[in-house]
């Protein structure tokens, strides 16, 4: 339903939501955790920072973190820079635009599904996805906790 870039953006933002609110994560580390090509992910993260979804900081302790609490960040804000979900959205049959005025053969059947997807993205927050996420502990956290315990 979403293009690959929007899907990668959701995965990255969801992972960042699981980190501490003051913790910046480097793009290379996210790339390794998520299995997303580093250069591709870096461009996505910078675009999300430009859209105000993420905050970025340079330097050895730099990286990316959420610019707002996950509970206030709708999924639509995350995917909008990469995928047209609102009016003028992609046609399921590959047409340039699919709307009531320029309807394709599938439009009337696709419209309720497309509207439901838009509503889901608008009404669901990153925190809700994080809350519903299956338990998976980041190796990053374990490493930091182990380092603190031994130091």
Foldseek 3Di string as FASTA:
>chain_A
DADPLLVLLLQLQLVLLPDDQPAADALVLSCVQPVNPSVSSVVLQVVLVVLQQWPWDDDPRTHIHGNDRQVPAFSCSRRVVPADLDAQHADPVGDRGDDPVRHDPCRVVCVVVSVVVVCNRRPDTSVNCNVVDDDDDDVVVVVVVVVVVVD
